[in-house]
């Protein structure tokens, strides 16, 4: 046996692999024609007041690395990122369940809609959705049809694919590294640190991460919709 890093990953059935492969190919073709610079990628992540955890020390002995893959759904926390930069962080208050109504009122109406006149300032842009249930809700889809002109819809996004979403495969880790090198005594301290880190995120880091999106799509296609590094 040898030491392997314990990693998280979705359980990919043959059917899910086929869906990921098909949708990744479509996005790759779409990206080649339209580019990635007008897309607003979004994601969620949970932060804690505890010090950043170094996963490099989380190893287990096994014969194959696949034996130590943690299967199941990965829960994420709202950030938007585009070639023009990152949106302000939006926090879900304690005890509030992020259902479809909260997502529409607080996130879409309160944060996303105003990007038309702020971040994008009248430019054409595309709003990316992923396969979260609140994204696929009928009333969410109706709100988006009324207020957002162009979408990468939830049904167009490869489900179970955090490795294809720029915040998830890179930017959350950079943000956490900037804001969570030490423990925070209160949630307010954590929030201030995260807001400061997001505001100071180098635009070069954002651009480099978004440029990796095409490589990730190609890697997913080469893997037949399966796991890829």
Protein backbone atom coordinates (compact mmCIF):
# COMPACT_ATOMS: atom_id res chain seq x y z
CA UNK A 1 0.00 0.00 0.00
CA UNK A 2 0.99 3.63 -0.48
CA UNK A 3 -0.21 6.92 1.03
CA UNK A 4 -2.93 8.71 -0.92
CA UNK A 5 -4.58 12.07 -0.35
CA UNK A 6 -8.19 11.77 0.73
CA UNK A 7 -10.21 13.72 -1.82
CA UNK A 8 -13.86 14.55 -2.36
CA UNK A 9 -15.71 13.66 -5.50
CA UNK A 10 -19.13 12.87 -6.90
CA UNK A 11 -20.12 9.27 -7.50
CA UNK A 12 -20.26 9.15 -11.30
CA UNK A 13 -22.51 6.52 -12.78
CA UNK A 14 -22.17 5.61 -16.47
CA UNK A 15 -25.30 7.68 -17.22
CA UNK A 16 -23.92 10.73 -15.39
CA UNK A 17 -20.57 10.38 -17.17
CA UNK A 18 -22.38 10.41 -20.50
CA UNK A 19 -24.32 13.54 -19.54
CA UNK A 20 -21.13 15.29 -18.40
CA UNK A 21 -19.32 14.33 -21.61
CA UNK A 22 -22.17 15.51 -23.86
CA UNK A 23 -22.64 18.85 -22.08
CA UNK A 24 -18.91 19.51 -21.82
CA UNK A 25 -18.60 19.04 -25.60
CA UNK A 26 -21.45 21.50 -26.22
CA UNK A 27 -19.90 24.07 -23.89
CA UNK A 28 -16.52 23.58 -25.54
CA UNK A 29 -18.03 24.27 -28.96
CA UNK A 30 -19.98 27.23 -27.60
CA UNK A 31 -16.87 28.64 -25.90
CA UNK A 32 -14.82 28.33 -29.09
CA UNK A 33 -17.35 30.55 -30.85
CA UNK A 34 -18.32 32.98 -28.11
CA UNK A 35 -15.34 33.00 -25.74
CA UNK A 36 -15.41 33.02 -21.95
CA UNK A 37 -14.85 36.71 -21.25
CA UNK A 38 -18.55 37.61 -21.18
CA UNK A 39 -19.62 34.82 -18.79
CA UNK A 40 -20.48 35.44 -15.14
CA UNK A 41 -19.62 32.22 -13.31
CA UNK A 42 -21.29 31.75 -9.93
CA UNK A 43 -20.76 29.46 -6.97
CA UNK A 44 -21.41 29.08 -3.25
CA UNK A 45 -19.19 27.94 -0.40
CA UNK A 46 -19.38 27.50 3.36
CA UNK A 47 -16.64 29.14 5.42
CA UNK A 48 -15.97 28.61 9.12
CA UNK A 49 -14.17 30.73 11.70
CA UNK A 50 -11.59 27.97 12.13
CA UNK A 51 -8.11 28.16 10.68
CA UNK A 52 -7.63 26.98 7.11
CA UNK A 53 -7.18 23.21 6.99
CA UNK A 54 -4.22 21.81 5.05
CA UNK A 55 -5.55 18.83 3.13
CA UNK A 56 -1.98 17.75 2.31
CA UNK A 57 -1.82 16.08 5.73
CA UNK A 58 -5.08 14.18 5.26
CA UNK A 59 -3.70 10.92 3.87
CA UNK A 60 -4.75 7.30 4.10
CA UNK A 61 -2.98 4.09 3.14
CA UNK A 62 -4.60 2.06 0.39
CA UNK A 63 -3.70 0.09 -2.71
CA UNK A 64 -5.36 2.53 -5.14
CA UNK A 65 -6.21 6.24 -4.89
CA UNK A 66 -9.82 5.56 -5.94
CA UNK A 67 -10.32 3.61 -2.72
CA UNK A 68 -10.01 6.77 -0.62
CA UNK A 69 -12.26 9.00 -2.71
CA UNK A 70 -15.06 10.38 -0.54
CA UNK A 71 -18.30 9.90 -2.46
CA UNK A 72 -21.41 12.01 -2.15
CA UNK A 73 -22.76 15.47 -2.87
CA UNK A 74 -20.42 18.40 -2.28
CA UNK A 75 -22.16 21.34 -0.66
CA UNK A 76 -21.01 24.76 -1.85
CA UNK A 77 -21.38 28.58 -0.40
CA UNK A 78 -22.50 33.45 -3.46
CA UNK A 79 -19.75 34.72 -5.50
CA UNK A 80 -19.80 35.83 -9.11
CA UNK A 81 -16.68 36.08 -11.23
CA UNK A 82 -16.11 37.31 -14.77
CA UNK A 83 -13.24 38.61 -16.89
CA UNK A 84 -14.03 42.06 -15.49
CA UNK A 85 -13.47 40.90 -11.93
CA UNK A 86 -15.31 39.48 -8.95
CA UNK A 87 -18.66 40.60 -7.59
CA UNK A 88 -19.00 41.51 -3.90
CA UNK A 89 -19.51 38.49 -1.65
CA UNK A 90 -23.09 37.82 -0.58
CA UNK A 91 -23.64 36.13 2.77
CA UNK A 92 -26.59 34.00 3.82
CA UNK A 93 -27.60 34.94 7.36
CA UNK A 94 -27.53 32.33 10.12
CA UNK A 95 -30.62 30.13 10.19
CA UNK A 96 -31.79 31.15 6.70
CA UNK A 97 -32.26 28.24 4.34
CA UNK A 98 -31.24 29.15 0.81
CA UNK A 99 -34.41 27.96 -0.91
CA UNK A 100 -35.75 29.17 -4.25
CA UNK A 101 -37.48 32.25 -2.76
CA UNK A 102 -34.38 33.41 -0.83
CA UNK A 103 -32.18 32.72 -3.86
CA UNK A 104 -34.43 34.81 -6.12
CA UNK A 105 -34.96 37.72 -3.71
CA UNK A 106 -31.54 38.01 -2.07
CA UNK A 107 -29.22 36.71 -4.78
CA UNK A 108 -30.85 37.26 -8.16
CA UNK A 109 -32.94 40.38 -7.46
CA UNK A 110 -30.63 41.82 -4.82
CA UNK A 111 -27.23 41.07 -6.36
CA UNK A 112 -27.29 39.70 -9.91
CA UNK A 113 -29.81 42.03 -11.61
CA UNK A 114 -27.87 45.20 -10.77
CA UNK A 115 -24.78 43.81 -12.54
CA UNK A 116 -26.41 44.94 -15.80
CA UNK A 117 -25.62 48.53 -14.88
CA UNK A 118 -22.60 48.06 -12.58
CA UNK A 119 -20.03 45.41 -13.48
CA UNK A 120 -21.13 44.96 -17.09
CA UNK A 121 -22.40 48.52 -17.61
CA UNK A 122 -24.66 47.74 -20.56
CA UNK A 123 -22.41 45.08 -22.13
CA UNK A 124 -23.83 41.76 -23.29
CA UNK A 125 -23.11 39.01 -20.78
CA UNK A 126 -24.06 35.42 -19.99
CA UNK A 127 -25.21 34.17 -16.59
CA UNK A 128 -23.99 30.67 -15.70
CA UNK A 129 -26.19 28.33 -13.70
CA UNK A 130 -25.30 24.93 -12.32
CA UNK A 131 -27.46 22.02 -11.20
CA UNK A 132 -28.49 23.23 -7.73
CA UNK A 133 -32.20 22.69 -7.11
CA UNK A 134 -32.85 26.41 -6.49
CA UNK A 135 -31.40 27.16 -9.94
CA UNK A 136 -33.72 24.69 -11.64
CA UNK A 137 -36.91 25.79 -9.87
CA UNK A 138 -39.64 26.90 -12.29
CA UNK A 139 -40.09 30.34 -10.71
CA UNK A 140 -36.31 30.86 -10.79
CA UNK A 141 -36.27 30.05 -14.50
CA UNK A 142 -39.16 32.45 -15.05
CA UNK A 143 -37.30 35.26 -13.22
CA UNK A 144 -34.21 34.66 -15.34
CA UNK A 145 -36.20 34.74 -18.59
CA UNK A 146 -37.61 38.13 -17.59
CA UNK A 147 -34.41 39.73 -16.33
CA UNK A 148 -31.35 38.02 -17.88
CA UNK A 149 -30.98 37.93 -21.66
CA UNK A 150 -28.44 35.11 -22.03
CA UNK A 151 -27.94 31.99 -19.92
CA UNK A 152 -25.90 28.86 -19.58
CA UNK A 153 -28.89 27.01 -18.16
CA UNK A 154 -28.75 24.42 -15.41
CA UNK A 155 -29.64 21.76 -17.99
CA UNK A 156 -26.70 22.90 -20.15
CA UNK A 157 -24.17 22.65 -17.31
CA UNK A 158 -22.46 19.27 -16.64
CA UNK A 159 -24.03 18.18 -13.36
CA UNK A 160 -21.80 17.01 -10.54
CA UNK A 161 -18.90 19.03 -11.95
CA UNK A 162 -17.32 21.43 -9.43
CA UNK A 163 -14.03 20.89 -11.28
CA UNK A 164 -15.49 22.79 -14.24
CA UNK A 165 -16.52 25.89 -12.29
CA UNK A 166 -13.71 28.50 -11.94
CA UNK A 167 -14.60 29.59 -8.39
CA UNK A 168 -14.68 26.00 -7.26
CA UNK A 169 -11.53 24.67 -8.90
CA UNK A 170 -9.34 27.67 -8.01
CA UNK A 171 -10.71 30.97 -6.71
CA UNK A 172 -12.34 29.73 -3.50
CA UNK A 173 -9.00 28.20 -2.49
CA UNK A 174 -7.16 31.46 -3.22
CA UNK A 175 -9.76 33.45 -1.26
CA UNK A 176 -9.58 31.05 1.67
CA UNK A 177 -5.79 31.21 1.65
CA UNK A 178 -5.94 35.02 1.82
CA UNK A 179 -8.66 35.26 4.49
CA UNK A 180 -8.35 32.17 6.67
CA UNK A 181 -4.68 31.74 7.51
CA UNK A 182 -5.65 32.21 11.17
CA UNK A 183 -8.69 31.50 13.31
CA UNK A 184 -11.37 34.19 13.57
CA UNK A 185 -12.99 34.82 16.94
CA UNK A 186 -16.31 35.92 15.46
CA UNK A 187 -18.31 35.56 12.27
CA UNK A 188 -18.08 39.32 11.77
CA UNK A 189 -14.29 39.07 11.77
CA UNK A 190 -14.47 36.27 9.21
CA UNK A 191 -16.83 38.30 7.00
CA UNK A 192 -14.57 41.36 7.10
CA UNK A 193 -11.56 39.27 6.19
CA UNK A 194 -13.37 37.57 3.29
CA UNK A 195 -14.73 40.87 1.92
CA UNK A 196 -11.26 42.41 2.11
CA UNK A 197 -9.67 39.39 0.40
CA UNK A 198 -12.26 39.40 -2.39
CA UNK A 199 -11.68 43.12 -3.00
CA UNK A 200 -7.91 42.55 -3.16
CA UNK A 201 -8.01 39.50 -5.41
CA UNK A 202 -5.55 40.26 -8.26
CA UNK A 203 -7.31 40.56 -11.62
CA UNK A 204 -4.44 38.57 -13.14
CA UNK A 205 -5.44 35.62 -10.93
CA UNK A 206 -9.03 35.88 -12.12
CA UNK A 207 -7.99 36.02 -15.78
CA UNK A 208 -5.62 33.07 -15.43
CA UNK A 209 -8.31 31.00 -13.70
CA UNK A 210 -10.95 31.74 -16.33
CA UNK A 211 -8.48 30.83 -19.06
CA UNK A 212 -8.18 27.40 -17.42
CA UNK A 213 -11.89 26.74 -18.00
CA UNK A 214 -11.31 25.63 -21.60
CA UNK A 215 -8.58 23.22 -20.46
CA UNK A 216 -10.93 21.75 -17.86
CA UNK A 217 -13.64 21.21 -20.46
CA UNK A 218 -11.13 19.44 -22.71
CA UNK A 219 -9.95 17.27 -19.80
CA UNK A 220 -13.55 16.27 -18.99
CA UNK A 221 -14.15 15.35 -22.63
CA UNK A 222 -10.94 13.29 -22.81
CA UNK A 223 -12.00 11.45 -19.63
CA UNK A 224 -15.32 10.53 -21.21
CA UNK A 225 -17.17 12.56 -18.58
CA UNK A 226 -15.33 10.78 -15.76
CA UNK A 227 -13.08 12.20 -13.05
CA UNK A 228 -10.10 14.24 -14.18
CA UNK A 229 -7.32 16.02 -12.32
